[in-house]
Each structure stands twice: as C-alpha cells, then as structure tokens.
Amino acid sequence: MFENLGGRQRVAPQRLGFGNIPVPGTKAGAIVSLGLVVIAWFAIPVARPFILGTVGLGCVVGLFLRWLHSRE
C-alpha cells in the first residue's frame, strides 16, 4: 500500500526557456531586461496586456517606494 521512497533516485527538474538567466541589478541587467521585454513584445502578441500591466504596476510601486525612502 505504501511505497518506499528511500530507494528511489531523485531526478533534478528540467529547466526550460529564459528561466535560468541571472539578471544583476546593474545597468547591464537593465539592458538585458529591456531586451527580453522587447523580444517578448514582438514575439508574443498575446502577452502585451500582461507586459503593459506589469510595467504600469512596477512604475506605481517604484514611485511609491521612492517617495517613501525620500521622506527619511
């Protein structure tokens, strides 16, 4: 009824797509991020509302955090 899981070999999950690209928080990372957004904008038209929404929400949150930190 119960399976012995101790004898199995563990298999690492597969990683696909751009999920493994580390993007640092530098100017070079900003260029890489913008490049990926431009590629997604032209390659995946269905994703355009999502891209616009995330950019808009990111701007609102970024401006709020900038305002919050400037008060200190």
C-alpha atoms as a PDB file:
ATOM      1  CA  MET A   1       0.000   0.000   0.000  1.00  0.00           C
ATOM      2  CA  PHE A   2       2.750   2.488   0.897  1.00  0.00           C
ATOM      3  CA  GLU A   3       5.697   2.874  -1.410  1.00  0.00           C
ATOM      4  CA  ASN A   4       9.257   3.000  -0.110  1.00  0.00           C
ATOM      5  CA  LEU A   5      10.586   6.334  -1.364  1.00  0.00           C
ATOM      6  CA  GLY A   6      14.028   5.921   0.195  1.00  0.00           C
ATOM      7  CA  GLY A   7      15.384   3.665  -2.544  1.00  0.00           C
ATOM      8  CA  ARG A   8      14.499   5.980  -5.463  1.00  0.00           C
ATOM      9  CA  GLN A   9      16.953   8.217  -7.198  1.00  0.00           C
ATOM     10  CA  ARG A  10      15.977  11.841  -7.193  1.00  0.00           C
ATOM     11  CA  VAL A  11      15.871  13.435 -10.621  1.00  0.00           C
ATOM     12  CA  ALA A  12      16.551  17.157 -10.948  1.00  0.00           C
ATOM     13  CA  PRO A  13      13.703  19.086 -12.580  1.00  0.00           C
ATOM     14  CA  GLN A  14      14.239  20.261 -16.146  1.00  0.00           C
ATOM     15  CA  ARG A  15      14.774  23.955 -16.675  1.00  0.00           C
ATOM     16  CA  LEU A  16      13.429  25.441 -19.866  1.00  0.00           C
ATOM     17  CA  GLY A  17      13.444  28.823 -21.584  1.00  0.00           C
ATOM     18  CA  PHE A  18      14.893  32.001 -20.098  1.00  0.00           C
ATOM     19  CA  GLY A  19      14.270  30.882 -16.525  1.00  0.00           C
ATOM     20  CA  ASN A  20      17.955  30.321 -15.788  1.00  0.00           C
ATOM     21  CA  ILE A  21      19.344  33.672 -16.919  1.00  0.00           C
ATOM     22  CA  PRO A  22      20.600  35.608 -13.889  1.00  0.00           C
ATOM     23  CA  VAL A  23      19.962  39.327 -14.333  1.00  0.00           C
ATOM     24  CA  PRO A  24      22.032  41.509 -11.986  1.00  0.00           C
ATOM     25  CA  GLY A  25      20.737  44.791 -10.598  1.00  0.00           C
ATOM     26  CA  THR A  26      23.132  46.892 -12.673  1.00  0.00           C
ATOM     27  CA  LYS A  27      22.952  48.886 -15.903  1.00  0.00           C
ATOM     28  CA  ALA A  28      23.844  45.742 -17.825  1.00  0.00           C
ATOM     29  CA  GLY A  29      20.963  43.917 -16.136  1.00  0.00           C
ATOM     30  CA  ALA A  30      18.602  46.723 -17.143  1.00  0.00           C
ATOM     31  CA  ILE A  31      19.697  46.360 -20.770  1.00  0.00           C
ATOM     32  CA  VAL A  32      19.167  42.590 -20.655  1.00  0.00           C
ATOM     33  CA  SER A  33      15.727  43.039 -19.077  1.00  0.00           C
ATOM     34  CA  LEU A  34      14.672  45.622 -21.646  1.00  0.00           C
ATOM     35  CA  GLY A  35      15.904  43.363 -24.427  1.00  0.00           C
ATOM     36  CA  LEU A  36      13.823  40.453 -23.133  1.00  0.00           C
ATOM     37  CA  VAL A  37      10.753  42.690 -22.885  1.00  0.00           C
ATOM     38  CA  VAL A  38      11.221  43.894 -26.473  1.00  0.00           C
ATOM     39  CA  ILE A  39      11.644  40.325 -27.708  1.00  0.00           C
ATOM     40  CA  ALA A  40       8.517  39.221 -25.822  1.00  0.00           C
ATOM     41  CA  TRP A  41       6.570  42.260 -27.122  1.00  0.00           C
ATOM     42  CA  PHE A  42       7.176  41.315 -30.764  1.00  0.00           C
ATOM     43  CA  ALA A  43       7.282  37.525 -30.415  1.00  0.00           C
ATOM     44  CA  ILE A  44       4.224  37.030 -28.177  1.00  0.00           C
ATOM     45  CA  PRO A  45       1.417  39.471 -29.065  1.00  0.00           C
ATOM     46  CA  VAL A  46      -0.939  37.844 -26.551  1.00  0.00           C
ATOM     47  CA  ALA A  47       1.437  38.878 -23.734  1.00  0.00           C
ATOM     48  CA  ARG A  48       1.186  42.613 -24.494  1.00  0.00           C
ATOM     49  CA  PRO A  49      -1.558  43.363 -21.905  1.00  0.00           C
ATOM     50  CA  PHE A  50       0.473  41.499 -19.278  1.00  0.00           C
ATOM     51  CA  ILE A  51       3.641  43.425 -20.187  1.00  0.00           C
ATOM     52  CA  LEU A  52       1.808  46.766 -20.045  1.00  0.00           C
ATOM     53  CA  GLY A  53       0.225  45.828 -16.707  1.00  0.00           C
ATOM     54  CA  THR A  54       3.485  44.772 -15.112  1.00  0.00           C
ATOM     55  CA  VAL A  55       5.290  47.892 -16.361  1.00  0.00           C
ATOM     56  CA  GLY A  56       2.470  50.093 -15.035  1.00  0.00           C
ATOM     57  CA  LEU A  57       2.337  48.353 -11.673  1.00  0.00           C
ATOM     58  CA  GLY A  58       6.131  48.441 -11.421  1.00  0.00           C
ATOM     59  CA  CYS A  59       6.105  52.196 -12.036  1.00  0.00           C
ATOM     60  CA  VAL A  60       3.468  52.781  -9.371  1.00  0.00           C
ATOM     61  CA  VAL A  61       5.266  50.625  -6.789  1.00  0.00           C
ATOM     62  CA  GLY A  62       8.647  52.145  -7.711  1.00  0.00           C
ATOM     63  CA  LEU A  63       7.363  55.701  -7.363  1.00  0.00           C
ATOM     64  CA  PHE A  64       5.746  54.839  -4.029  1.00  0.00           C
ATOM     65  CA  LEU A  65       8.974  53.321  -2.706  1.00  0.00           C
ATOM     66  CA  ARG A  66      10.993  56.295  -3.961  1.00  0.00           C
ATOM     67  CA  TRP A  67       8.598  58.672  -2.190  1.00  0.00           C
ATOM     68  CA  LEU A  68       8.703  56.549   0.967  1.00  0.00           C
ATOM     69  CA  HIS A  69      12.512  56.492   1.084  1.00  0.00           C
ATOM     70  CA  SER A  70      12.871  60.192   0.300  1.00  0.00           C
ATOM     71  CA  ARG A  71      10.885  61.068   3.441  1.00  0.00           C
ATOM     72  CA  GLU A  72      13.503  59.502   5.738  1.00  0.00           C
END
